[in-house]
């Protein structure tokens, strides 16, 4: 168990690498901002609300959900603990992100039962199903489901489209921030300021459908 938790701490330390504007900007040149896939402009953790940003209703995780999710994911391919946590969060669209304190003990229990085994891959403890684990899944198909599907936020199509447009705009912003001229940067800031003003005006004007 101690070894599993040590792996968890090592994986968590690398969780935020490559995300967001973590490098300062010096005069005359700009440093990279990292990827947008899981950072401030994309889910999970989408800055405009995004997946898991408080929209829609989801049910809470119940007993056995973590175990079922782990088995379902390992049936696809071997994964380490951090990958399991992130994959659940992504597939539930941010509606469910189990804590390391739930995932690692469950992995240890599955290992003790002989359904899962761990091996070191690239310095990390990676888990995969044993033959007994594969047989267990075949015999308990109804149990080894995808519980994250029941915890996906109930978000309407309009909200999804809004987030998609926001991510596309953020991608354009990223390109300007990375390679735009000073004039383009000034113009982009003006556009963003005007867009923000107009969005707040939309809120202030109320619902047009109620008029």
N, C-alpha and C. Protein backbone atom coordinates (compact mmCIF):
# COMPACT_ATOMS: atom_id res chain seq x y z
N UNK A 1 0.83 -1.21 0.00
CA UNK A 1 0.00 0.00 0.00
C UNK A 1 0.86 1.25 0.00
N UNK A 2 1.93 1.24 0.81
CA UNK A 2 2.81 2.42 0.88
C UNK A 2 3.41 2.72 -0.48
N UNK A 3 3.78 1.65 -1.21
CA UNK A 3 4.37 1.86 -2.53
C UNK A 3 3.37 2.50 -3.48
N UNK A 4 2.11 2.06 -3.39
CA UNK A 4 1.08 2.62 -4.26
C UNK A 4 0.89 4.10 -4.00
N UNK A 5 0.90 4.47 -2.71
CA UNK A 5 0.73 5.89 -2.37
C UNK A 5 1.94 6.71 -2.78
N UNK A 6 3.13 6.11 -2.73
CA UNK A 6 4.32 6.82 -3.19
C UNK A 6 4.21 7.12 -4.68
N UNK A 7 3.69 6.14 -5.46
CA UNK A 7 3.48 6.36 -6.88
C UNK A 7 2.47 7.47 -7.10
N UNK A 8 1.42 7.47 -6.25
CA UNK A 8 0.40 8.51 -6.39
C UNK A 8 0.98 9.89 -6.21
N UNK A 9 1.86 10.04 -5.20
CA UNK A 9 2.46 11.35 -4.96
C UNK A 9 3.35 11.76 -6.13
N UNK A 10 4.07 10.80 -6.69
CA UNK A 10 4.95 11.11 -7.81
C UNK A 10 4.14 11.54 -9.03
N UNK A 11 3.01 10.84 -9.27
CA UNK A 11 2.19 11.16 -10.42
C UNK A 11 1.52 12.51 -10.25
N UNK A 12 1.07 12.81 -9.02
CA UNK A 12 0.38 14.07 -8.78
C UNK A 12 1.31 15.24 -8.98
N UNK A 13 2.61 15.06 -8.65
CA UNK A 13 3.55 16.16 -8.83
C UNK A 13 3.65 16.57 -10.29
N UNK A 14 3.40 15.63 -11.21
CA UNK A 14 3.48 15.96 -12.63
C UNK A 14 2.16 16.35 -13.24
N UNK A 15 1.12 16.46 -12.41
CA UNK A 15 -0.22 16.66 -12.92
C UNK A 15 -0.38 17.95 -13.68
N UNK A 16 0.28 19.03 -13.23
CA UNK A 16 0.03 20.33 -13.83
C UNK A 16 1.11 20.74 -14.83
N UNK A 17 2.00 19.85 -15.18
CA UNK A 17 3.07 20.22 -16.12
C UNK A 17 2.47 20.50 -17.48
N UNK A 18 2.91 21.59 -18.08
CA UNK A 18 2.51 21.85 -19.46
C UNK A 18 1.18 22.54 -19.59
N UNK A 19 0.60 23.08 -18.48
CA UNK A 19 -0.69 23.70 -18.58
C UNK A 19 -0.60 25.15 -18.15
N UNK A 20 -1.25 26.00 -18.92
CA UNK A 20 -1.42 27.39 -18.51
C UNK A 20 -0.18 28.23 -18.69
N UNK A 21 -0.33 29.54 -18.46
CA UNK A 21 0.79 30.47 -18.66
C UNK A 21 1.72 30.47 -17.48
N UNK A 22 2.37 29.34 -17.23
CA UNK A 22 3.17 29.21 -16.03
C UNK A 22 4.55 29.83 -16.18
N UNK A 23 4.94 30.17 -17.39
CA UNK A 23 6.24 30.79 -17.57
C UNK A 23 6.06 32.28 -17.76
N UNK A 24 6.94 33.08 -17.16
CA UNK A 24 6.78 34.53 -17.25
C UNK A 24 7.15 35.02 -18.64
N UNK A 25 6.71 36.24 -18.92
CA UNK A 25 6.97 36.82 -20.23
C UNK A 25 8.03 37.90 -20.10
N UNK A 26 9.13 37.73 -20.80
CA UNK A 26 10.21 38.71 -20.77
C UNK A 26 10.04 39.71 -21.90
N UNK A 27 10.74 40.83 -21.78
CA UNK A 27 10.68 41.86 -22.81
C UNK A 27 11.25 41.32 -24.12
N UNK A 28 10.46 41.51 -25.20
CA UNK A 28 10.97 41.19 -26.53
C UNK A 28 10.62 39.80 -27.01
N UNK A 29 10.20 38.90 -26.13
CA UNK A 29 9.81 37.59 -26.61
C UNK A 29 8.83 36.96 -25.62
N UNK A 30 8.11 35.94 -26.13
CA UNK A 30 7.07 35.31 -25.32
C UNK A 30 7.38 33.84 -25.16
N UNK A 31 7.13 33.34 -23.97
CA UNK A 31 7.34 31.92 -23.70
C UNK A 31 6.06 31.15 -23.94
N UNK A 32 6.21 29.82 -24.07
CA UNK A 32 5.06 28.96 -24.34
C UNK A 32 4.07 28.94 -23.19
N UNK A 33 2.81 28.74 -23.55
CA UNK A 33 1.74 28.66 -22.56
C UNK A 33 1.34 27.23 -22.28
N UNK A 34 1.91 26.25 -22.94
CA UNK A 34 1.47 24.88 -22.70
C UNK A 34 0.23 24.56 -23.52
N UNK A 35 -0.27 23.33 -23.35
CA UNK A 35 -1.40 22.87 -24.14
C UNK A 35 -2.72 23.36 -23.61
N UNK A 36 -3.73 23.32 -24.47
CA UNK A 36 -5.06 23.76 -24.09
C UNK A 36 -5.98 22.59 -23.76
N UNK A 37 -5.55 21.36 -24.06
CA UNK A 37 -6.46 20.23 -23.90
C UNK A 37 -7.00 20.09 -22.50
N UNK A 38 -6.19 20.30 -21.47
CA UNK A 38 -6.67 20.16 -20.12
C UNK A 38 -6.37 21.36 -19.28
N UNK A 39 -6.03 22.46 -19.88
CA UNK A 39 -5.64 23.64 -19.15
C UNK A 39 -6.77 24.65 -19.05
N UNK A 40 -6.44 25.94 -19.02
CA UNK A 40 -7.45 26.94 -18.73
C UNK A 40 -8.47 27.13 -19.83
N UNK A 41 -8.22 26.63 -21.04
CA UNK A 41 -9.16 26.85 -22.13
C UNK A 41 -9.86 25.57 -22.56
N UNK A 42 -9.65 24.46 -21.90
CA UNK A 42 -10.28 23.23 -22.34
C UNK A 42 -10.60 22.34 -21.17
N UNK A 43 -11.53 21.40 -21.31
CA UNK A 43 -11.95 20.55 -20.22
C UNK A 43 -10.87 19.55 -19.90
N UNK A 44 -10.76 19.04 -18.65
CA UNK A 44 -11.51 19.55 -17.53
C UNK A 44 -10.91 20.84 -17.00
N UNK A 45 -11.67 21.62 -16.23
CA UNK A 45 -11.15 22.86 -15.71
C UNK A 45 -11.29 24.01 -16.68
N UNK A 46 -12.23 23.93 -17.59
CA UNK A 46 -12.41 24.94 -18.62
C UNK A 46 -12.76 26.27 -17.98
N UNK A 47 -12.06 27.35 -18.37
CA UNK A 47 -12.15 28.61 -17.66
C UNK A 47 -13.52 29.27 -17.79
N UNK A 48 -14.31 28.92 -18.83
CA UNK A 48 -15.60 29.56 -19.00
C UNK A 48 -16.72 28.74 -18.38
N UNK A 49 -16.40 27.74 -17.61
CA UNK A 49 -17.43 26.89 -17.03
C UNK A 49 -17.23 25.48 -17.49
N UNK A 50 -17.25 25.28 -18.79
CA UNK A 50 -16.87 24.03 -19.42
C UNK A 50 -17.47 22.79 -18.81
N UNK A 51 -16.86 21.69 -19.12
CA UNK A 51 -17.32 20.41 -18.61
C UNK A 51 -17.05 20.35 -17.12
N UNK A 52 -18.09 20.05 -16.40
CA UNK A 52 -17.92 19.96 -14.97
C UNK A 52 -17.83 21.29 -14.29
N UNK A 53 -18.21 22.37 -14.96
CA UNK A 53 -18.08 23.68 -14.38
C UNK A 53 -19.30 24.14 -13.63
N UNK A 54 -20.16 23.21 -13.16
CA UNK A 54 -21.29 23.59 -12.37
C UNK A 54 -22.60 23.57 -13.14
N UNK A 55 -22.60 23.16 -14.40
CA UNK A 55 -23.82 23.10 -15.18
C UNK A 55 -24.39 21.70 -15.11
N UNK A 56 -25.74 21.61 -15.14
CA UNK A 56 -26.38 20.32 -15.19
C UNK A 56 -26.37 19.61 -13.85
N UNK A 57 -27.05 18.47 -13.82
CA UNK A 57 -27.15 17.68 -12.60
C UNK A 57 -26.48 16.33 -12.81
N UNK A 58 -25.81 15.85 -11.81
CA UNK A 58 -25.18 14.54 -11.86
C UNK A 58 -25.48 13.81 -10.57
N UNK A 59 -25.49 12.48 -10.64
CA UNK A 59 -25.65 11.72 -9.41
C UNK A 59 -24.30 11.54 -8.76
N UNK A 60 -24.30 11.34 -7.46
CA UNK A 60 -23.05 11.14 -6.74
C UNK A 60 -22.58 9.70 -6.91
N UNK A 61 -21.26 9.52 -6.78
CA UNK A 61 -20.70 8.18 -6.88
C UNK A 61 -21.23 7.33 -5.73
N UNK A 62 -21.49 6.08 -6.02
CA UNK A 62 -21.97 5.17 -4.99
C UNK A 62 -20.97 4.04 -4.79
N UNK A 63 -21.21 3.24 -3.78
CA UNK A 63 -20.30 2.15 -3.44
C UNK A 63 -20.12 1.23 -4.65
N UNK A 64 -18.89 0.95 -4.98
CA UNK A 64 -18.59 0.05 -6.09
C UNK A 64 -18.32 0.75 -7.41
N UNK A 65 -18.63 2.05 -7.49
CA UNK A 65 -18.42 2.76 -8.75
C UNK A 65 -16.94 2.85 -9.13
N UNK A 66 -16.09 3.15 -8.14
CA UNK A 66 -14.65 3.27 -8.42
C UNK A 66 -14.10 1.94 -8.90
N UNK A 67 -14.47 0.87 -8.23
CA UNK A 67 -14.02 -0.47 -8.61
C UNK A 67 -14.47 -0.79 -10.04
N UNK A 68 -15.74 -0.54 -10.33
CA UNK A 68 -16.27 -0.84 -11.66
C UNK A 68 -15.57 -0.01 -12.73
N UNK A 69 -15.33 1.26 -12.43
CA UNK A 69 -14.67 2.13 -13.40
C UNK A 69 -13.24 1.67 -13.68
N UNK A 70 -12.53 1.29 -12.64
CA UNK A 70 -11.15 0.82 -12.81
C UNK A 70 -11.11 -0.43 -13.69
N UNK A 71 -11.98 -1.38 -13.40
CA UNK A 71 -12.00 -2.61 -14.19
C UNK A 71 -12.37 -2.32 -15.64
N UNK A 72 -13.33 -1.43 -15.85
CA UNK A 72 -13.75 -1.10 -17.22
C UNK A 72 -12.60 -0.45 -18.00
N UNK A 73 -11.85 0.43 -17.35
CA UNK A 73 -10.75 1.11 -18.03
C UNK A 73 -9.58 0.16 -18.28
N UNK A 74 -9.27 -0.68 -17.30
CA UNK A 74 -8.16 -1.62 -17.48
C UNK A 74 -8.49 -2.70 -18.50
N UNK A 75 -9.79 -2.93 -18.74
CA UNK A 75 -10.18 -3.88 -19.78
C UNK A 75 -9.82 -3.34 -21.16
N UNK A 76 -9.65 -2.02 -21.26
CA UNK A 76 -9.27 -1.41 -22.53
C UNK A 76 -7.76 -1.46 -22.74
N UNK A 77 -7.01 -1.07 -21.70
CA UNK A 77 -5.56 -1.05 -21.78
C UNK A 77 -4.97 -0.80 -20.40
N UNK A 78 -3.70 -1.15 -20.18
CA UNK A 78 -3.06 -0.86 -18.89
C UNK A 78 -2.99 0.65 -18.66
N UNK A 79 -3.12 1.04 -17.40
CA UNK A 79 -3.05 2.46 -17.04
C UNK A 79 -2.45 2.59 -15.65
N UNK A 80 -1.85 3.76 -15.37
CA UNK A 80 -1.43 4.03 -14.01
C UNK A 80 -2.56 4.76 -13.28
N UNK A 81 -2.37 4.96 -11.99
CA UNK A 81 -3.43 5.54 -11.18
C UNK A 81 -3.85 6.92 -11.64
N UNK A 82 -2.88 7.75 -11.97
CA UNK A 82 -3.19 9.11 -12.41
C UNK A 82 -3.99 9.09 -13.71
N UNK A 83 -3.62 8.20 -14.63
CA UNK A 83 -4.35 8.10 -15.90
C UNK A 83 -5.78 7.65 -15.67
N UNK A 84 -5.98 6.77 -14.70
CA UNK A 84 -7.34 6.31 -14.39
C UNK A 84 -8.19 7.47 -13.90
N UNK A 85 -7.64 8.26 -12.98
CA UNK A 85 -8.37 9.40 -12.44
C UNK A 85 -8.73 10.39 -13.54
N UNK A 86 -7.74 10.72 -14.38
CA UNK A 86 -7.97 11.69 -15.44
C UNK A 86 -8.96 11.17 -16.49
N UNK A 87 -8.88 9.88 -16.79
CA UNK A 87 -9.77 9.31 -17.80
C UNK A 87 -11.22 9.32 -17.31
N UNK A 88 -11.43 9.02 -16.04
CA UNK A 88 -12.78 9.07 -15.48
C UNK A 88 -13.32 10.49 -15.54
N UNK A 89 -12.49 11.46 -15.17
CA UNK A 89 -12.92 12.86 -15.21
C UNK A 89 -13.27 13.29 -16.62
N UNK A 90 -12.46 12.87 -17.59
CA UNK A 90 -12.70 13.25 -18.98
C UNK A 90 -13.98 12.61 -19.51
N UNK A 91 -14.17 11.32 -19.22
CA UNK A 91 -15.33 10.62 -19.77
C UNK A 91 -16.63 11.05 -19.11
N UNK A 92 -16.55 11.52 -17.89
CA UNK A 92 -17.75 12.03 -17.21
C UNK A 92 -17.94 13.51 -17.50
N UNK A 93 -17.10 14.08 -18.35
CA UNK A 93 -17.14 15.50 -18.69
C UNK A 93 -17.02 16.36 -17.44
N UNK A 94 -16.17 15.92 -16.53
CA UNK A 94 -15.93 16.68 -15.31
C UNK A 94 -16.95 16.44 -14.23
N UNK A 95 -17.95 15.60 -14.49
CA UNK A 95 -18.98 15.35 -13.49
C UNK A 95 -18.51 14.50 -12.34
N UNK A 96 -17.42 13.75 -12.55
CA UNK A 96 -16.92 12.86 -11.49
C UNK A 96 -15.41 12.74 -11.65
N UNK A 97 -14.69 13.12 -10.63
CA UNK A 97 -13.25 12.92 -10.59
C UNK A 97 -12.90 12.31 -9.24
N UNK A 98 -12.80 10.98 -9.17
CA UNK A 98 -12.50 10.34 -7.89
C UNK A 98 -11.14 10.75 -7.37
N UNK A 99 -11.02 10.81 -6.07
CA UNK A 99 -9.77 11.24 -5.45
C UNK A 99 -8.76 10.09 -5.44
N UNK A 100 -7.47 10.42 -5.34
CA UNK A 100 -6.46 9.36 -5.18
C UNK A 100 -6.75 8.48 -3.97
N UNK A 101 -7.36 9.07 -2.93
CA UNK A 101 -7.70 8.31 -1.74
C UNK A 101 -8.78 7.28 -1.96
N UNK A 102 -9.49 7.37 -3.10
CA UNK A 102 -10.48 6.36 -3.45
C UNK A 102 -9.92 5.38 -4.47
N UNK A 103 -9.12 5.88 -5.41
CA UNK A 103 -8.64 5.04 -6.51
C UNK A 103 -7.53 4.09 -6.07
N UNK A 104 -6.54 4.59 -5.34
CA UNK A 104 -5.39 3.74 -5.01
C UNK A 104 -5.73 2.60 -4.05
N UNK A 105 -6.55 2.81 -3.03
CA UNK A 105 -6.97 1.67 -2.21
C UNK A 105 -7.77 0.65 -3.02
N UNK A 106 -8.59 1.12 -3.97
CA UNK A 106 -9.35 0.20 -4.80
C UNK A 106 -8.42 -0.62 -5.69
N UNK A 107 -7.38 0.01 -6.22
CA UNK A 107 -6.39 -0.72 -7.01
C UNK A 107 -5.67 -1.76 -6.17
N UNK A 108 -5.35 -1.38 -4.93
CA UNK A 108 -4.68 -2.32 -4.04
C UNK A 108 -5.58 -3.51 -3.73
N UNK A 109 -6.88 -3.24 -3.52
CA UNK A 109 -7.83 -4.31 -3.24
C UNK A 109 -7.95 -5.26 -4.43
N UNK A 110 -8.03 -4.70 -5.63
CA UNK A 110 -8.12 -5.53 -6.83
C UNK A 110 -6.85 -6.35 -7.02
N UNK A 111 -5.71 -5.76 -6.64
CA UNK A 111 -4.44 -6.50 -6.71
C UNK A 111 -4.44 -7.65 -5.72
N UNK A 112 -4.92 -7.39 -4.51
CA UNK A 112 -4.99 -8.44 -3.48
C UNK A 112 -5.92 -9.57 -3.91
N UNK A 113 -6.95 -9.24 -4.67
CA UNK A 113 -7.91 -10.25 -5.13
C UNK A 113 -7.37 -11.03 -6.33
N UNK A 114 -6.25 -10.59 -6.87
CA UNK A 114 -5.67 -11.27 -8.02
C UNK A 114 -6.29 -10.90 -9.35
N UNK A 115 -7.11 -9.85 -9.36
CA UNK A 115 -7.75 -9.42 -10.61
C UNK A 115 -6.88 -8.45 -11.39
N UNK A 116 -5.96 -7.79 -10.70
CA UNK A 116 -5.09 -6.78 -11.30
C UNK A 116 -3.67 -7.03 -10.84
N UNK A 117 -2.71 -6.74 -11.69
CA UNK A 117 -1.32 -6.78 -11.28
C UNK A 117 -0.64 -5.48 -11.70
N UNK A 118 0.40 -5.14 -10.99
CA UNK A 118 1.12 -3.89 -11.25
C UNK A 118 2.52 -4.20 -11.75
N UNK A 119 3.01 -3.35 -12.63
CA UNK A 119 4.39 -3.45 -13.09
C UNK A 119 4.92 -2.05 -13.38
N UNK A 120 6.23 -1.89 -13.27
CA UNK A 120 6.86 -0.60 -13.51
C UNK A 120 7.03 -0.37 -15.02
N UNK A 121 6.48 0.73 -15.51
CA UNK A 121 6.64 1.13 -16.91
C UNK A 121 7.02 2.60 -16.92
N UNK A 122 8.20 2.89 -17.46
CA UNK A 122 8.69 4.28 -17.52
C UNK A 122 8.71 4.92 -16.14
N UNK A 123 9.08 4.13 -15.15
CA UNK A 123 9.23 4.67 -13.80
C UNK A 123 7.93 4.82 -13.03
N UNK A 124 6.82 4.39 -13.61
CA UNK A 124 5.54 4.49 -12.92
C UNK A 124 4.91 3.11 -12.79
N UNK A 125 4.17 2.93 -11.71
CA UNK A 125 3.48 1.67 -11.50
C UNK A 125 2.23 1.65 -12.36
N UNK A 126 2.21 0.76 -13.33
CA UNK A 126 1.09 0.63 -14.25
C UNK A 126 0.32 -0.64 -13.93
N UNK A 127 -1.00 -0.55 -13.98
CA UNK A 127 -1.87 -1.67 -13.61
C UNK A 127 -2.51 -2.26 -14.85
N UNK A 128 -2.63 -3.59 -14.84
CA UNK A 128 -3.30 -4.27 -15.94
C UNK A 128 -4.04 -5.48 -15.39
N UNK A 129 -5.02 -5.96 -16.16
CA UNK A 129 -5.81 -7.10 -15.72
C UNK A 129 -4.99 -8.39 -15.79
N UNK A 130 -5.23 -9.27 -14.86
CA UNK A 130 -4.68 -10.62 -14.92
C UNK A 130 -5.67 -11.48 -15.71
N UNK A 131 -5.31 -12.73 -15.94
CA UNK A 131 -6.26 -13.64 -16.61
C UNK A 131 -7.51 -13.80 -15.76
N UNK A 132 -7.32 -13.84 -14.44
CA UNK A 132 -8.47 -13.93 -13.55
C UNK A 132 -9.34 -12.68 -13.66
N UNK A 133 -8.70 -11.53 -13.82
CA UNK A 133 -9.45 -10.29 -13.98
C UNK A 133 -10.25 -10.28 -15.27
N UNK A 134 -9.66 -10.76 -16.34
CA UNK A 134 -10.37 -10.83 -17.62
C UNK A 134 -11.56 -11.77 -17.53
N UNK A 135 -11.36 -12.90 -16.83
CA UNK A 135 -12.46 -13.84 -16.66
C UNK A 135 -13.57 -13.23 -15.80
N UNK A 136 -13.17 -12.48 -14.78
CA UNK A 136 -14.14 -11.83 -13.90
C UNK A 136 -15.02 -10.86 -14.69
N UNK A 137 -14.40 -10.08 -15.56
CA UNK A 137 -15.15 -9.12 -16.37
C UNK A 137 -16.13 -9.84 -17.29
N UNK A 138 -15.69 -10.95 -17.88
CA UNK A 138 -16.56 -11.71 -18.77
C UNK A 138 -17.77 -12.26 -18.03
N UNK A 139 -17.58 -12.62 -16.75
CA UNK A 139 -18.65 -13.21 -15.96
C UNK A 139 -19.53 -12.17 -15.27
N UNK A 140 -19.05 -10.95 -15.17
CA UNK A 140 -19.79 -9.90 -14.46
C UNK A 140 -19.94 -8.66 -15.35
N UNK A 141 -20.41 -8.89 -16.57
CA UNK A 141 -20.52 -7.79 -17.53
C UNK A 141 -21.44 -6.69 -17.02
N UNK A 142 -22.51 -7.06 -16.32
CA UNK A 142 -23.45 -6.04 -15.84
C UNK A 142 -22.84 -5.20 -14.73
N UNK A 143 -21.90 -5.79 -13.98
CA UNK A 143 -21.25 -5.06 -12.89
C UNK A 143 -20.17 -4.12 -13.42
N UNK A 144 -19.40 -4.64 -14.38
CA UNK A 144 -18.29 -3.85 -14.93
C UNK A 144 -18.85 -2.98 -16.07
N UNK A 145 -19.49 -1.92 -15.67
CA UNK A 145 -20.12 -1.01 -16.61
C UNK A 145 -19.27 0.25 -16.71
N UNK A 146 -19.87 1.31 -17.20
CA UNK A 146 -19.18 2.60 -17.27
C UNK A 146 -19.94 3.58 -16.37
N UNK A 147 -19.67 3.59 -15.07
CA UNK A 147 -20.45 4.42 -14.14
C UNK A 147 -20.34 5.90 -14.42
N UNK A 148 -19.27 6.33 -15.10
CA UNK A 148 -19.12 7.76 -15.37
C UNK A 148 -20.23 8.28 -16.28
N UNK A 149 -20.84 7.39 -17.07
CA UNK A 149 -21.91 7.85 -17.96
C UNK A 149 -23.10 8.38 -17.18
N UNK A 150 -23.32 7.83 -15.98
CA UNK A 150 -24.44 8.28 -15.16
C UNK A 150 -24.11 9.56 -14.41
N UNK A 151 -22.86 9.99 -14.47
CA UNK A 151 -22.45 11.20 -13.75
C UNK A 151 -22.05 12.32 -14.70
N UNK A 152 -22.33 12.15 -15.98
CA UNK A 152 -22.05 13.21 -16.94
C UNK A 152 -23.07 14.33 -16.76
N UNK A 153 -22.64 15.57 -16.63
CA UNK A 153 -23.59 16.67 -16.46
C UNK A 153 -24.61 16.73 -17.59
N UNK A 154 -25.84 17.02 -17.22
CA UNK A 154 -26.92 17.15 -18.20
C UNK A 154 -26.87 18.56 -18.79
N UNK A 155 -26.09 18.71 -19.85
CA UNK A 155 -25.87 20.02 -20.46
C UNK A 155 -26.53 20.05 -21.83
N UNK A 156 -27.28 21.10 -22.11
CA UNK A 156 -27.98 21.21 -23.38
C UNK A 156 -27.05 21.46 -24.55
N UNK A 157 -27.58 21.26 -25.76
CA UNK A 157 -26.79 21.45 -26.97
C UNK A 157 -26.28 22.88 -27.11
N UNK A 158 -27.11 23.85 -26.72
CA UNK A 158 -26.70 25.25 -26.83
C UNK A 158 -25.47 25.54 -25.98
N UNK A 159 -25.42 24.95 -24.78
CA UNK A 159 -24.28 25.16 -23.90
C UNK A 159 -23.04 24.49 -24.47
N UNK A 160 -23.20 23.28 -25.01
CA UNK A 160 -22.06 22.60 -25.64
C UNK A 160 -21.51 23.43 -26.79
N UNK A 161 -22.42 23.98 -27.61
CA UNK A 161 -21.97 24.80 -28.74
C UNK A 161 -21.26 26.06 -28.26
N UNK A 162 -21.76 26.63 -27.16
CA UNK A 162 -21.12 27.82 -26.59
C UNK A 162 -19.69 27.50 -26.16
N UNK A 163 -19.51 26.35 -25.51
CA UNK A 163 -18.17 25.96 -25.07
C UNK A 163 -17.26 25.68 -26.27
N UNK A 164 -17.82 25.05 -27.31
CA UNK A 164 -17.01 24.77 -28.50
C UNK A 164 -16.52 26.08 -29.13
N UNK A 165 -17.42 27.05 -29.24
CA UNK A 165 -17.03 28.34 -29.80
C UNK A 165 -15.98 29.03 -28.92
N UNK A 166 -16.14 28.90 -27.61
CA UNK A 166 -15.18 29.51 -26.69
C UNK A 166 -13.81 28.89 -26.85
N UNK A 167 -13.77 27.56 -27.01
CA UNK A 167 -12.48 26.89 -27.18
C UNK A 167 -11.83 27.29 -28.51
N UNK A 168 -12.65 27.44 -29.55
CA UNK A 168 -12.11 27.87 -30.83
C UNK A 168 -11.53 29.29 -30.74
N UNK A 169 -12.26 30.16 -30.03
CA UNK A 169 -11.76 31.52 -29.84
C UNK A 169 -10.47 31.51 -29.03
N UNK A 170 -10.42 30.64 -28.02
CA UNK A 170 -9.22 30.54 -27.19
C UNK A 170 -8.03 30.05 -28.00
N UNK A 171 -8.30 29.14 -28.95
CA UNK A 171 -7.22 28.65 -29.81
C UNK A 171 -6.64 29.78 -30.65
N UNK A 172 -7.53 30.64 -31.18
CA UNK A 172 -7.05 31.79 -31.96
C UNK A 172 -6.26 32.74 -31.07
N UNK A 173 -6.74 32.94 -29.85
CA UNK A 173 -6.03 33.80 -28.90
C UNK A 173 -4.64 33.26 -28.61
N UNK A 174 -4.54 31.96 -28.44
CA UNK A 174 -3.26 31.31 -28.17
C UNK A 174 -2.27 31.57 -29.30
N UNK A 175 -2.75 31.44 -30.54
CA UNK A 175 -1.86 31.66 -31.68
C UNK A 175 -1.36 33.10 -31.74
N UNK A 176 -2.26 34.04 -31.44
CA UNK A 176 -1.84 35.45 -31.42
C UNK A 176 -0.85 35.69 -30.30
N UNK A 177 -1.11 35.12 -29.12
CA UNK A 177 -0.22 35.31 -27.98
C UNK A 177 1.16 34.72 -28.25
N UNK A 178 1.21 33.64 -29.01
CA UNK A 178 2.47 32.98 -29.30
C UNK A 178 3.29 33.70 -30.37
N UNK A 179 2.61 34.16 -31.43
CA UNK A 179 3.38 34.69 -32.55
C UNK A 179 2.91 36.00 -33.12
N UNK A 180 1.94 36.64 -32.47
CA UNK A 180 1.41 37.88 -33.01
C UNK A 180 2.34 39.06 -32.81
N UNK A 181 2.20 40.05 -33.67
CA UNK A 181 2.98 41.28 -33.53
C UNK A 181 2.39 42.12 -32.40
N UNK A 182 3.09 43.18 -32.04
CA UNK A 182 2.58 44.07 -31.00
C UNK A 182 1.24 44.67 -31.41
N UNK A 183 1.11 45.01 -32.69
CA UNK A 183 -0.15 45.56 -33.17
C UNK A 183 -1.28 44.55 -33.09
N UNK A 184 -0.99 43.29 -33.43
CA UNK A 184 -2.01 42.25 -33.35
C UNK A 184 -2.40 41.98 -31.90
N UNK A 185 -1.43 42.04 -31.01
CA UNK A 185 -1.73 41.85 -29.59
C UNK A 185 -2.65 42.95 -29.07
N UNK A 186 -2.37 44.19 -29.44
CA UNK A 186 -3.22 45.30 -29.01
C UNK A 186 -4.64 45.13 -29.56
N UNK A 187 -4.74 44.73 -30.82
CA UNK A 187 -6.05 44.55 -31.43
C UNK A 187 -6.81 43.41 -30.76
N UNK A 188 -6.11 42.33 -30.45
CA UNK A 188 -6.75 41.19 -29.78
C UNK A 188 -7.27 41.60 -28.40
N UNK A 189 -6.49 42.40 -27.67
CA UNK A 189 -6.94 42.86 -26.35
C UNK A 189 -8.18 43.73 -26.47
N UNK A 190 -8.23 44.57 -27.48
CA UNK A 190 -9.40 45.42 -27.69
C UNK A 190 -10.64 44.58 -27.99
N UNK A 191 -10.45 43.55 -28.82
CA UNK A 191 -11.57 42.66 -29.17
C UNK A 191 -12.07 41.93 -27.93
N UNK A 192 -11.14 41.42 -27.12
CA UNK A 192 -11.53 40.72 -25.90
C UNK A 192 -12.27 41.63 -24.94
N UNK A 193 -11.77 42.85 -24.78
CA UNK A 193 -12.42 43.79 -23.87
C UNK A 193 -13.83 44.12 -24.35
N UNK A 194 -13.98 44.30 -25.66
CA UNK A 194 -15.30 44.61 -26.22
C UNK A 194 -16.24 43.41 -26.09
N UNK A 195 -15.71 42.21 -26.32
CA UNK A 195 -16.51 41.00 -26.19
C UNK A 195 -17.00 40.83 -24.76
N UNK A 196 -16.12 41.05 -23.81
CA UNK A 196 -16.51 40.94 -22.40
C UNK A 196 -17.62 41.94 -22.08
N UNK A 197 -17.46 43.17 -22.57
CA UNK A 197 -18.48 44.19 -22.31
C UNK A 197 -19.83 43.77 -22.89
N UNK A 198 -19.81 43.23 -24.11
CA UNK A 198 -21.06 42.83 -24.76
C UNK A 198 -21.71 41.64 -24.04
N UNK A 199 -20.90 40.72 -23.54
CA UNK A 199 -21.46 39.57 -22.82
C UNK A 199 -22.14 40.02 -21.53
N UNK A 200 -21.53 40.94 -20.82
CA UNK A 200 -22.17 41.46 -19.61
C UNK A 200 -23.44 42.23 -19.97
N UNK A 201 -23.44 42.87 -21.14
CA UNK A 201 -24.63 43.57 -21.58
C UNK A 201 -25.76 42.59 -21.86
N UNK A 202 -25.41 41.42 -22.41
CA UNK A 202 -26.41 40.37 -22.63
C UNK A 202 -27.08 39.99 -21.32
N UNK A 203 -26.28 39.83 -20.27
CA UNK A 203 -26.84 39.50 -18.96
C UNK A 203 -27.73 40.63 -18.44
N UNK A 204 -27.28 41.85 -18.63
CA UNK A 204 -28.03 43.00 -18.12
C UNK A 204 -29.35 43.18 -18.85
N UNK A 205 -29.39 42.83 -20.13
CA UNK A 205 -30.60 43.02 -20.93
C UNK A 205 -31.69 42.00 -20.61
N UNK A 206 -31.34 40.90 -19.96
CA UNK A 206 -32.34 39.88 -19.66
C UNK A 206 -32.55 38.92 -20.81
N UNK A 207 -33.50 37.99 -20.61
CA UNK A 207 -33.77 36.93 -21.58
C UNK A 207 -34.61 37.48 -22.73
N UNK A 208 -34.08 37.51 -23.97
CA UNK A 208 -34.86 38.02 -25.11
C UNK A 208 -36.07 37.16 -25.42
N UNK A 209 -36.05 35.87 -25.05
CA UNK A 209 -37.18 34.98 -25.32
C UNK A 209 -38.39 35.30 -24.45
N UNK A 210 -38.17 36.06 -23.37
CA UNK A 210 -39.27 36.39 -22.47
C UNK A 210 -39.94 37.70 -22.84
N UNK A 211 -39.42 38.37 -23.86
CA UNK A 211 -40.00 39.65 -24.27
C UNK A 211 -41.23 39.45 -25.13
